[in-house]
Amino acid sequence: TLIISALTSASSHLFFPGNNNRFAWDRDCLGELIRFGKWVFFGTVMMFLATNMDRLLLGKLITADVLGVYSIAFMLSSTPSTLIKRFGNKVVFPVISRKQDMDRGDLRQRLFQNQRRLLLVMMAPVCLLICAGDWIVRVGWDDRYLEAGWMTSDRTSPMLATWLCRLSASTNFLPASTPPWI
């Protein structure tokens, strides 16, 4: 499968007459890519550090046992956020792209109404993690990991404010029209 595909691709370049395709760089395009890419790279590095700094620092400051307990709390507390991101990527953005001909004001209004519903639905698991994080850890893990309960509650609490900011900001960035290159 993979080997056959590689052999087919290689043989098509080696054994068939005609122009040989090879990589080539347009210097102007390369310069634009580097100028634009450095900011994308910088932004990606900053986002990585912002979202992973706790584990990077804690890995140096605490023992492996405590870091393992923290990892359980991190996994539990990030579950609602992961679910909402997947829902946005798999459902919301495809729906928005199919509605590109719709009036932007109407689309923004419909999205805002649905965001409120989604926020209310997702509040239940977040509130459950905040209020019952200790109980969830006690039921799901043995006594070595009980400390993850309060950590789960503590890590989940700021999530509500973050979601409110993300949900309210996301509809403000809808494009006013389709870019000319699409």
N, C-alpha and C. Protein backbone atom coordinates (compact mmCIF):
# COMPACT_ATOMS: atom_id res chain seq x y z
N THR A 1 0.82 -1.20 0.00
CA THR A 1 0.00 0.00 0.00
C THR A 1 0.86 1.27 0.00
N LEU A 2 1.55 1.52 1.11
CA LEU A 2 2.42 2.70 1.15
C LEU A 2 3.63 2.49 0.24
N ILE A 3 4.18 1.29 0.26
CA ILE A 3 5.34 0.98 -0.58
C ILE A 3 4.95 1.02 -2.06
N ILE A 4 3.79 0.47 -2.38
CA ILE A 4 3.33 0.47 -3.77
C ILE A 4 3.10 1.89 -4.25
N SER A 5 2.50 2.73 -3.40
CA SER A 5 2.29 4.13 -3.77
C SER A 5 3.60 4.85 -4.01
N ALA A 6 4.59 4.60 -3.15
CA ALA A 6 5.90 5.23 -3.31
C ALA A 6 6.57 4.75 -4.60
N LEU A 7 6.49 3.46 -4.87
CA LEU A 7 7.09 2.92 -6.09
C LEU A 7 6.40 3.47 -7.34
N THR A 8 5.08 3.55 -7.31
CA THR A 8 4.33 4.10 -8.45
C THR A 8 4.73 5.55 -8.70
N SER A 9 4.79 6.33 -7.62
CA SER A 9 5.17 7.73 -7.76
C SER A 9 6.60 7.88 -8.29
N ALA A 10 7.51 7.12 -7.74
CA ALA A 10 8.91 7.20 -8.19
C ALA A 10 9.05 6.76 -9.64
N SER A 11 8.36 5.68 -10.03
CA SER A 11 8.48 5.20 -11.40
C SER A 11 7.86 6.18 -12.39
N SER A 12 6.81 6.87 -12.00
CA SER A 12 6.20 7.84 -12.91
C SER A 12 7.15 8.99 -13.19
N HIS A 13 8.02 9.32 -12.27
CA HIS A 13 8.99 10.39 -12.48
C HIS A 13 10.25 9.90 -13.19
N LEU A 14 10.57 8.64 -13.01
CA LEU A 14 11.83 8.14 -13.56
C LEU A 14 11.69 7.56 -14.97
N PHE A 15 10.61 6.86 -15.24
CA PHE A 15 10.53 6.07 -16.46
C PHE A 15 9.68 6.67 -17.58
N PHE A 16 8.88 7.68 -17.31
CA PHE A 16 8.05 8.25 -18.36
C PHE A 16 8.76 9.45 -18.97
N PRO A 17 8.75 9.56 -20.31
CA PRO A 17 9.42 10.69 -20.96
C PRO A 17 8.63 11.98 -20.74
N GLY A 18 9.29 13.08 -20.99
CA GLY A 18 8.65 14.38 -20.87
C GLY A 18 9.36 15.24 -19.84
N ASN A 19 8.68 16.29 -19.44
CA ASN A 19 9.26 17.20 -18.45
C ASN A 19 9.39 16.51 -17.11
N ASN A 20 10.54 16.67 -16.52
CA ASN A 20 10.73 16.17 -15.17
C ASN A 20 10.29 17.24 -14.18
N ASN A 21 9.36 16.87 -13.33
CA ASN A 21 8.92 17.81 -12.30
C ASN A 21 9.89 17.78 -11.14
N ARG A 22 10.23 18.95 -10.67
CA ARG A 22 11.11 19.03 -9.51
C ARG A 22 10.72 20.27 -8.72
N PHE A 23 11.19 20.31 -7.49
CA PHE A 23 10.89 21.45 -6.65
C PHE A 23 11.64 22.68 -7.16
N ALA A 24 10.95 23.81 -7.11
CA ALA A 24 11.56 25.08 -7.48
C ALA A 24 10.95 26.15 -6.59
N TRP A 25 11.76 27.16 -6.29
CA TRP A 25 11.30 28.24 -5.44
C TRP A 25 11.26 29.55 -6.22
N ASP A 26 10.18 30.25 -6.07
CA ASP A 26 10.09 31.62 -6.55
C ASP A 26 10.59 32.48 -5.40
N ARG A 27 11.66 33.20 -5.61
CA ARG A 27 12.29 33.95 -4.51
C ARG A 27 11.34 34.96 -3.87
N ASP A 28 10.50 35.61 -4.66
CA ASP A 28 9.55 36.57 -4.09
C ASP A 28 8.55 35.87 -3.17
N CYS A 29 8.04 34.73 -3.64
CA CYS A 29 7.09 33.96 -2.82
C CYS A 29 7.75 33.44 -1.56
N LEU A 30 8.99 32.98 -1.68
CA LEU A 30 9.71 32.49 -0.51
C LEU A 30 9.88 33.61 0.52
N GLY A 31 10.21 34.81 0.06
CA GLY A 31 10.34 35.94 0.97
C GLY A 31 9.02 36.26 1.68
N GLU A 32 7.91 36.22 0.92
CA GLU A 32 6.61 36.47 1.54
C GLU A 32 6.27 35.40 2.56
N LEU A 33 6.54 34.14 2.22
CA LEU A 33 6.28 33.05 3.15
C LEU A 33 7.07 33.21 4.44
N ILE A 34 8.32 33.59 4.32
CA ILE A 34 9.15 33.76 5.51
C ILE A 34 8.66 34.93 6.34
N ARG A 35 8.34 36.06 5.69
CA ARG A 35 7.85 37.23 6.44
C ARG A 35 6.54 36.92 7.14
N PHE A 36 5.62 36.28 6.44
CA PHE A 36 4.33 35.94 7.05
C PHE A 36 4.49 34.79 8.03
N GLY A 37 5.27 33.79 7.65
CA GLY A 37 5.43 32.59 8.45
C GLY A 37 6.07 32.82 9.80
N LYS A 38 6.95 33.82 9.89
CA LYS A 38 7.59 34.05 11.19
C LYS A 38 6.56 34.48 12.22
N TRP A 39 5.53 35.22 11.80
CA TRP A 39 4.51 35.65 12.75
C TRP A 39 3.58 34.50 13.10
N VAL A 40 3.28 33.66 12.13
CA VAL A 40 2.47 32.47 12.42
C VAL A 40 3.23 31.56 13.38
N PHE A 41 4.52 31.36 13.10
CA PHE A 41 5.35 30.54 13.97
C PHE A 41 5.43 31.14 15.38
N PHE A 42 5.65 32.43 15.47
CA PHE A 42 5.73 33.11 16.77
C PHE A 42 4.40 32.97 17.53
N GLY A 43 3.29 33.18 16.84
CA GLY A 43 1.98 33.04 17.47
C GLY A 43 1.72 31.62 17.94
N THR A 44 2.16 30.64 17.14
CA THR A 44 1.98 29.24 17.51
C THR A 44 2.81 28.91 18.75
N VAL A 45 4.04 29.37 18.79
CA VAL A 45 4.89 29.13 19.96
C VAL A 45 4.29 29.78 21.20
N MET A 46 3.81 31.01 21.07
CA MET A 46 3.22 31.69 22.22
C MET A 46 1.96 30.98 22.72
N MET A 47 1.13 30.50 21.79
CA MET A 47 -0.08 29.78 22.18
C MET A 47 0.28 28.46 22.87
N PHE A 48 1.29 27.78 22.35
CA PHE A 48 1.74 26.53 22.97
C PHE A 48 2.22 26.79 24.40
N LEU A 49 3.03 27.83 24.57
CA LEU A 49 3.54 28.14 25.90
C LEU A 49 2.41 28.55 26.85
N ALA A 50 1.47 29.33 26.35
CA ALA A 50 0.36 29.78 27.19
C ALA A 50 -0.52 28.62 27.64
N THR A 51 -0.73 27.64 26.77
CA THR A 51 -1.61 26.54 27.13
C THR A 51 -0.89 25.39 27.83
N ASN A 52 0.43 25.35 27.77
CA ASN A 52 1.16 24.24 28.37
C ASN A 52 2.16 24.66 29.44
N MET A 53 2.21 25.92 29.77
CA MET A 53 3.21 26.40 30.71
C MET A 53 3.09 25.73 32.07
N ASP A 54 1.86 25.47 32.50
CA ASP A 54 1.70 24.84 33.81
C ASP A 54 2.40 23.49 33.86
N ARG A 55 2.20 22.67 32.86
CA ARG A 55 2.84 21.35 32.86
C ARG A 55 4.34 21.45 32.63
N LEU A 56 4.77 22.41 31.83
CA LEU A 56 6.21 22.58 31.61
C LEU A 56 6.92 22.98 32.91
N LEU A 57 6.34 23.92 33.62
CA LEU A 57 6.93 24.36 34.89
C LEU A 57 6.80 23.30 35.97
N LEU A 58 5.61 22.72 36.08
CA LEU A 58 5.40 21.73 37.13
C LEU A 58 6.28 20.50 36.93
N GLY A 59 6.60 20.17 35.70
CA GLY A 59 7.49 19.05 35.44
C GLY A 59 8.86 19.23 36.06
N LYS A 60 9.28 20.48 36.20
CA LYS A 60 10.56 20.78 36.82
C LYS A 60 10.45 20.98 38.33
N LEU A 61 9.29 21.42 38.81
CA LEU A 61 9.16 21.84 40.19
C LEU A 61 8.62 20.77 41.14
N ILE A 62 7.88 19.79 40.62
CA ILE A 62 7.26 18.81 41.51
C ILE A 62 7.69 17.40 41.12
N THR A 63 7.34 16.46 41.96
CA THR A 63 7.72 15.07 41.70
C THR A 63 6.84 14.47 40.61
N ALA A 64 7.27 13.36 40.08
CA ALA A 64 6.52 12.68 39.02
C ALA A 64 5.17 12.19 39.52
N ASP A 65 5.09 11.80 40.79
CA ASP A 65 3.82 11.33 41.36
C ASP A 65 2.78 12.45 41.36
N VAL A 66 3.18 13.62 41.82
CA VAL A 66 2.25 14.77 41.87
C VAL A 66 1.91 15.22 40.45
N LEU A 67 2.86 15.15 39.54
CA LEU A 67 2.59 15.52 38.15
C LEU A 67 1.59 14.56 37.53
N GLY A 68 1.65 13.29 37.88
CA GLY A 68 0.67 12.31 37.41
C GLY A 68 -0.72 12.62 37.92
N VAL A 69 -0.83 13.01 39.19
CA VAL A 69 -2.12 13.40 39.77
C VAL A 69 -2.63 14.64 39.06
N TYR A 70 -1.76 15.61 38.82
CA TYR A 70 -2.14 16.83 38.12
C TYR A 70 -2.61 16.52 36.69
N SER A 71 -1.97 15.55 36.06
CA SER A 71 -2.37 15.18 34.69
C SER A 71 -3.78 14.63 34.65
N ILE A 72 -4.18 13.89 35.68
CA ILE A 72 -5.56 13.40 35.74
C ILE A 72 -6.51 14.57 35.88
N ALA A 73 -6.18 15.51 36.76
CA ALA A 73 -7.02 16.69 36.93
C ALA A 73 -7.09 17.50 35.64
N PHE A 74 -5.96 17.62 34.96
CA PHE A 74 -5.93 18.36 33.70
C PHE A 74 -6.82 17.68 32.65
N MET A 75 -6.72 16.36 32.55
CA MET A 75 -7.53 15.63 31.58
C MET A 75 -9.03 15.81 31.87
N LEU A 76 -9.42 15.66 33.13
CA LEU A 76 -10.83 15.81 33.48
C LEU A 76 -11.32 17.24 33.22
N SER A 77 -10.54 18.22 33.63
CA SER A 77 -10.99 19.60 33.49
C SER A 77 -10.99 20.09 32.05
N SER A 78 -10.20 19.49 31.20
CA SER A 78 -10.17 19.94 29.81
C SER A 78 -11.17 19.21 28.92
N THR A 79 -11.86 18.22 29.44
CA THR A 79 -12.82 17.46 28.64
C THR A 79 -13.94 18.34 28.07
N PRO A 80 -14.63 19.17 28.86
CA PRO A 80 -15.68 20.01 28.27
C PRO A 80 -15.15 20.95 27.19
N SER A 81 -13.99 21.51 27.41
CA SER A 81 -13.41 22.42 26.43
C SER A 81 -13.07 21.69 25.14
N THR A 82 -12.53 20.49 25.27
CA THR A 82 -12.22 19.68 24.09
C THR A 82 -13.49 19.34 23.32
N LEU A 83 -14.55 18.99 24.03
CA LEU A 83 -15.82 18.67 23.38
C LEU A 83 -16.37 19.87 22.61
N ILE A 84 -16.32 21.04 23.22
CA ILE A 84 -16.88 22.21 22.55
C ILE A 84 -16.03 22.62 21.34
N LYS A 85 -14.71 22.43 21.43
CA LYS A 85 -13.86 22.73 20.27
C LYS A 85 -14.15 21.77 19.13
N ARG A 86 -14.30 20.50 19.45
CA ARG A 86 -14.62 19.53 18.39
C ARG A 86 -15.97 19.81 17.77
N PHE A 87 -16.94 20.17 18.60
CA PHE A 87 -18.26 20.50 18.07
C PHE A 87 -18.16 21.70 17.14
N GLY A 88 -17.39 22.70 17.54
CA GLY A 88 -17.22 23.88 16.69
C GLY A 88 -16.56 23.54 15.37
N ASN A 89 -15.50 22.71 15.42
CA ASN A 89 -14.78 22.37 14.19
C ASN A 89 -15.55 21.42 13.29
N LYS A 90 -16.30 20.50 13.87
CA LYS A 90 -16.99 19.48 13.08
C LYS A 90 -18.41 19.87 12.68
N VAL A 91 -19.04 20.76 13.44
CA VAL A 91 -20.44 21.10 13.17
C VAL A 91 -20.62 22.58 12.83
N VAL A 92 -20.18 23.46 13.71
CA VAL A 92 -20.48 24.88 13.56
C VAL A 92 -19.81 25.48 12.32
N PHE A 93 -18.50 25.28 12.17
CA PHE A 93 -17.81 25.88 11.03
C PHE A 93 -18.31 25.34 9.69
N PRO A 94 -18.59 24.03 9.54
CA PRO A 94 -19.18 23.58 8.28
C PRO A 94 -20.55 24.21 8.01
N VAL A 95 -21.35 24.39 9.04
CA VAL A 95 -22.67 25.03 8.86
C VAL A 95 -22.49 26.47 8.41
N ILE A 96 -21.56 27.18 9.04
CA ILE A 96 -21.30 28.58 8.65
C ILE A 96 -20.83 28.65 7.20
N SER A 97 -19.98 27.72 6.80
CA SER A 97 -19.47 27.77 5.43
C SER A 97 -20.57 27.49 4.41
N ARG A 98 -21.57 26.69 4.78
CA ARG A 98 -22.69 26.44 3.86
C ARG A 98 -23.64 27.61 3.80
N LYS A 99 -23.61 28.48 4.79
CA LYS A 99 -24.51 29.63 4.85
C LYS A 99 -23.82 30.91 4.40
N GLN A 100 -22.79 30.81 3.57
CA GLN A 100 -22.02 31.99 3.20
C GLN A 100 -22.82 33.02 2.41
N ASP A 101 -23.91 32.60 1.76
CA ASP A 101 -24.74 33.55 1.00
C ASP A 101 -25.76 34.27 1.87
N MET A 102 -25.92 33.82 3.10
CA MET A 102 -26.89 34.41 4.01
C MET A 102 -26.41 35.79 4.46
N ASP A 103 -27.34 36.68 4.75
CA ASP A 103 -27.01 38.00 5.26
C ASP A 103 -26.21 37.85 6.55
N ARG A 104 -25.11 38.59 6.67
CA ARG A 104 -24.21 38.45 7.82
C ARG A 104 -24.88 38.81 9.13
N GLY A 105 -25.75 39.79 9.13
CA GLY A 105 -26.46 40.16 10.35
C GLY A 105 -27.37 39.03 10.82
N ASP A 106 -28.11 38.42 9.88
CA ASP A 106 -28.98 37.30 10.24
C ASP A 106 -28.17 36.10 10.71
N LEU A 107 -27.07 35.82 10.00
CA LEU A 107 -26.23 34.70 10.39
C LEU A 107 -25.64 34.92 11.78
N ARG A 108 -25.20 36.13 12.04
CA ARG A 108 -24.63 36.45 13.35
C ARG A 108 -25.68 36.27 14.45
N GLN A 109 -26.90 36.71 14.18
CA GLN A 109 -27.99 36.59 15.16
C GLN A 109 -28.31 35.12 15.44
N ARG A 110 -28.40 34.31 14.39
CA ARG A 110 -28.69 32.88 14.57
C ARG A 110 -27.57 32.18 15.32
N LEU A 111 -26.32 32.53 15.00
CA LEU A 111 -25.19 31.93 15.72
C LEU A 111 -25.21 32.32 17.19
N PHE A 112 -25.51 33.56 17.47
CA PHE A 112 -25.54 34.02 18.86
C PHE A 112 -26.60 33.27 19.65
N GLN A 113 -27.79 33.07 19.05
CA GLN A 113 -28.85 32.32 19.74
C GLN A 113 -28.42 30.88 20.01
N ASN A 114 -27.78 30.26 19.03
CA ASN A 114 -27.34 28.88 19.21
C ASN A 114 -26.16 28.79 20.18
N GLN A 115 -25.34 29.82 20.23
CA GLN A 115 -24.24 29.81 21.18
C GLN A 115 -24.75 29.83 22.61
N ARG A 116 -25.81 30.59 22.84
CA ARG A 116 -26.39 30.63 24.18
C ARG A 116 -26.89 29.24 24.57
N ARG A 117 -27.56 28.58 23.64
CA ARG A 117 -28.05 27.22 23.93
C ARG A 117 -26.90 26.27 24.21
N LEU A 118 -25.88 26.33 23.38
CA LEU A 118 -24.72 25.46 23.57
C LEU A 118 -24.04 25.75 24.90
N LEU A 119 -23.92 27.02 25.25
CA LEU A 119 -23.30 27.38 26.51
C LEU A 119 -24.10 26.82 27.68
N LEU A 120 -25.41 26.91 27.62
CA LEU A 120 -26.24 26.37 28.70
C LEU A 120 -26.11 24.86 28.80
N VAL A 121 -26.05 24.17 27.65
CA VAL A 121 -25.88 22.71 27.67
C VAL A 121 -24.53 22.33 28.25
N MET A 122 -23.48 23.06 27.87
CA MET A 122 -22.13 22.72 28.34
C MET A 122 -21.87 23.18 29.77
N MET A 123 -22.74 24.02 30.32
CA MET A 123 -22.57 24.43 31.71
C MET A 123 -22.76 23.25 32.66
N ALA A 124 -23.62 22.31 32.29
CA ALA A 124 -23.89 21.18 33.17
C ALA A 124 -22.63 20.37 33.49
N PRO A 125 -21.88 19.90 32.47
CA PRO A 125 -20.67 19.15 32.84
C PRO A 125 -19.61 20.01 33.53
N VAL A 126 -19.54 21.29 33.19
CA VAL A 126 -18.56 22.16 33.85
C VAL A 126 -18.94 22.33 35.33
N CYS A 127 -20.20 22.60 35.59
CA CYS A 127 -20.64 22.74 36.98
C CYS A 127 -20.48 21.42 37.73
N LEU A 128 -20.72 20.30 37.06
CA LEU A 128 -20.52 18.99 37.68
C LEU A 128 -19.05 18.81 38.08
N LEU A 129 -18.14 19.18 37.19
CA LEU A 129 -16.72 19.06 37.52
C LEU A 129 -16.32 20.00 38.65
N ILE A 130 -16.89 21.20 38.68
CA ILE A 130 -16.56 22.14 39.74
C ILE A 130 -17.09 21.64 41.09
N CYS A 131 -18.34 21.21 41.09
CA CYS A 131 -18.98 20.82 42.36
C CYS A 131 -18.64 19.40 42.80
N ALA A 132 -18.44 18.50 41.86
CA ALA A 132 -18.27 17.08 42.22
C ALA A 132 -16.96 16.50 41.72
N GLY A 133 -15.96 17.34 41.49
CA GLY A 133 -14.66 16.84 41.05
C GLY A 133 -14.07 15.83 42.01
N ASP A 134 -14.19 16.11 43.31
CA ASP A 134 -13.68 15.17 44.32
C ASP A 134 -14.37 13.81 44.21
N TRP A 135 -15.68 13.85 44.09
CA TRP A 135 -16.46 12.60 44.01
C TRP A 135 -16.11 11.82 42.75
N ILE A 136 -15.98 12.51 41.61
CA ILE A 136 -15.65 11.84 40.34
C ILE A 136 -14.30 11.14 40.45
N VAL A 137 -13.33 11.80 41.03
CA VAL A 137 -12.01 11.19 41.19
C VAL A 137 -12.07 10.03 42.18
N ARG A 138 -12.81 10.19 43.26
CA ARG A 138 -12.93 9.12 44.25
C ARG A 138 -13.56 7.87 43.64
N VAL A 139 -14.55 8.06 42.76
CA VAL A 139 -15.22 6.91 42.13
C VAL A 139 -14.36 6.30 41.03
N GLY A 140 -13.66 7.13 40.26
CA GLY A 140 -12.95 6.65 39.08
C GLY A 140 -11.52 6.20 39.31
N TRP A 141 -10.88 6.62 40.39
CA TRP A 141 -9.47 6.30 40.61
C TRP A 141 -9.27 5.81 42.04
N ASP A 142 -8.15 5.18 42.28
CA ASP A 142 -7.88 4.70 43.64
C ASP A 142 -7.35 5.84 44.52
N ASP A 143 -7.07 5.51 45.78
CA ASP A 143 -6.74 6.52 46.79
C ASP A 143 -5.48 7.32 46.48
N ARG A 144 -4.60 6.81 45.67
CA ARG A 144 -3.38 7.54 45.34
C ARG A 144 -3.66 8.84 44.59
N TYR A 145 -4.82 8.91 43.94
CA TYR A 145 -5.12 10.04 43.05
C TYR A 145 -6.19 10.98 43.61
N LEU A 146 -6.52 10.87 44.90
CA LEU A 146 -7.58 11.70 45.48
C LEU A 146 -7.30 13.19 45.38
N GLU A 147 -6.04 13.57 45.40
CA GLU A 147 -5.69 14.99 45.30
C GLU A 147 -6.13 15.60 43.96
N ALA A 148 -6.34 14.77 42.96
CA ALA A 148 -6.78 15.28 41.67
C ALA A 148 -8.18 15.87 41.73
N GLY A 149 -8.95 15.52 42.76
CA GLY A 149 -10.32 16.03 42.89
C GLY A 149 -10.37 17.54 43.04
N TRP A 150 -9.66 18.07 44.02
CA TRP A 150 -9.69 19.51 44.21
C TRP A 150 -9.00 20.23 43.05
N MET A 151 -7.99 19.58 42.47
CA MET A 151 -7.32 20.19 41.32
C MET A 151 -8.27 20.31 40.13
N THR A 152 -9.10 19.28 39.95
CA THR A 152 -10.08 19.30 38.86
C THR A 152 -11.04 20.46 39.04
N SER A 153 -11.57 20.60 40.24
CA SER A 153 -12.50 21.71 40.51
C SER A 153 -11.82 23.06 40.31
N ASP A 154 -10.61 23.15 40.79
CA ASP A 154 -9.87 24.41 40.69
C ASP A 154 -9.55 24.77 39.24
N ARG A 155 -9.17 23.80 38.44
CA ARG A 155 -8.83 24.06 37.03
C ARG A 155 -10.06 24.33 36.18
N THR A 156 -11.21 23.78 36.55
CA THR A 156 -12.41 23.93 35.74
C THR A 156 -13.10 25.27 35.98
N SER A 157 -12.95 25.85 37.14
CA SER A 157 -13.68 27.08 37.49
C SER A 157 -13.47 28.23 36.50
N PRO A 158 -12.25 28.55 36.06
CA PRO A 158 -12.08 29.68 35.13
C PRO A 158 -12.63 29.42 33.74
N MET A 159 -13.01 28.18 33.47
CA MET A 159 -13.47 27.83 32.12
C MET A 159 -14.72 28.60 31.71
N LEU A 160 -15.60 28.87 32.67
CA LEU A 160 -16.84 29.57 32.32
C LEU A 160 -16.57 30.96 31.76
N ALA A 161 -15.68 31.70 32.39
CA ALA A 161 -15.34 33.04 31.90
C ALA A 161 -14.68 32.96 30.53
N THR A 162 -13.81 31.98 30.35
CA THR A 162 -13.13 31.81 29.07
C THR A 162 -14.14 31.53 27.97
N TRP A 163 -15.09 30.66 28.24
CA TRP A 163 -16.09 30.34 27.22
C TRP A 163 -16.94 31.55 26.87
N LEU A 164 -17.33 32.31 27.88
CA LEU A 164 -18.12 33.51 27.59
C LEU A 164 -17.37 34.44 26.66
N CYS A 165 -16.09 34.62 26.89
CA CYS A 165 -15.29 35.49 26.03
C CYS A 165 -15.17 34.91 24.62
N ARG A 166 -14.88 33.63 24.52
CA ARG A 166 -14.72 33.00 23.20
C ARG A 166 -16.02 33.01 22.42
N LEU A 167 -17.10 32.65 23.08
CA LEU A 167 -18.37 32.56 22.37
C LEU A 167 -18.85 33.93 21.92
N SER A 168 -18.66 34.94 22.72
CA SER A 168 -19.13 36.26 22.30
C SER A 168 -18.22 36.84 21.22
N ALA A 169 -16.94 36.51 21.26
CA ALA A 169 -16.01 37.07 20.28
C ALA A 169 -16.08 36.35 18.95
N SER A 170 -16.45 35.08 18.94
CA SER A 170 -16.35 34.31 17.70
C SER A 170 -17.27 34.82 16.61
N THR A 171 -18.46 35.32 16.95
CA THR A 171 -19.35 35.82 15.90
C THR A 171 -18.93 37.19 15.40
N ASN A 172 -18.10 37.90 16.14
CA ASN A 172 -17.67 39.22 15.69
C ASN A 172 -16.65 39.15 14.57
N PHE A 173 -16.07 37.97 14.34
CA PHE A 173 -15.03 37.84 13.34
C PHE A 173 -15.52 37.15 12.07
N LEU A 174 -16.83 37.11 11.87
CA LEU A 174 -17.34 36.54 10.61
C LEU A 174 -16.94 37.45 9.48
N PRO A 175 -16.48 36.89 8.38
CA PRO A 175 -16.08 37.74 7.26
C PRO A 175 -17.28 38.44 6.65
N ALA A 176 -17.06 39.65 6.20
CA ALA A 176 -18.14 40.43 5.58
C ALA A 176 -18.41 39.94 4.17
N SER A 177 -17.43 39.34 3.52
CA SER A 177 -17.61 38.81 2.17
C SER A 177 -16.59 37.70 1.95
N THR A 178 -16.73 37.02 0.83
CA THR A 178 -15.80 35.95 0.50
C THR A 178 -14.53 36.57 -0.07
N PRO A 179 -13.37 36.14 0.40
CA PRO A 179 -12.13 36.68 -0.15
C PRO A 179 -12.05 36.42 -1.66
N PRO A 180 -11.39 37.29 -2.40
CA PRO A 180 -11.36 37.15 -3.86
C PRO A 180 -10.61 35.91 -4.34
N TRP A 181 -9.75 35.34 -3.54
CA TRP A 181 -8.96 34.20 -3.99
C TRP A 181 -9.67 32.88 -3.79
N ILE A 182 -10.89 32.90 -3.22
CA ILE A 182 -11.65 31.64 -3.04
C ILE A 182 -12.54 31.42 -4.25
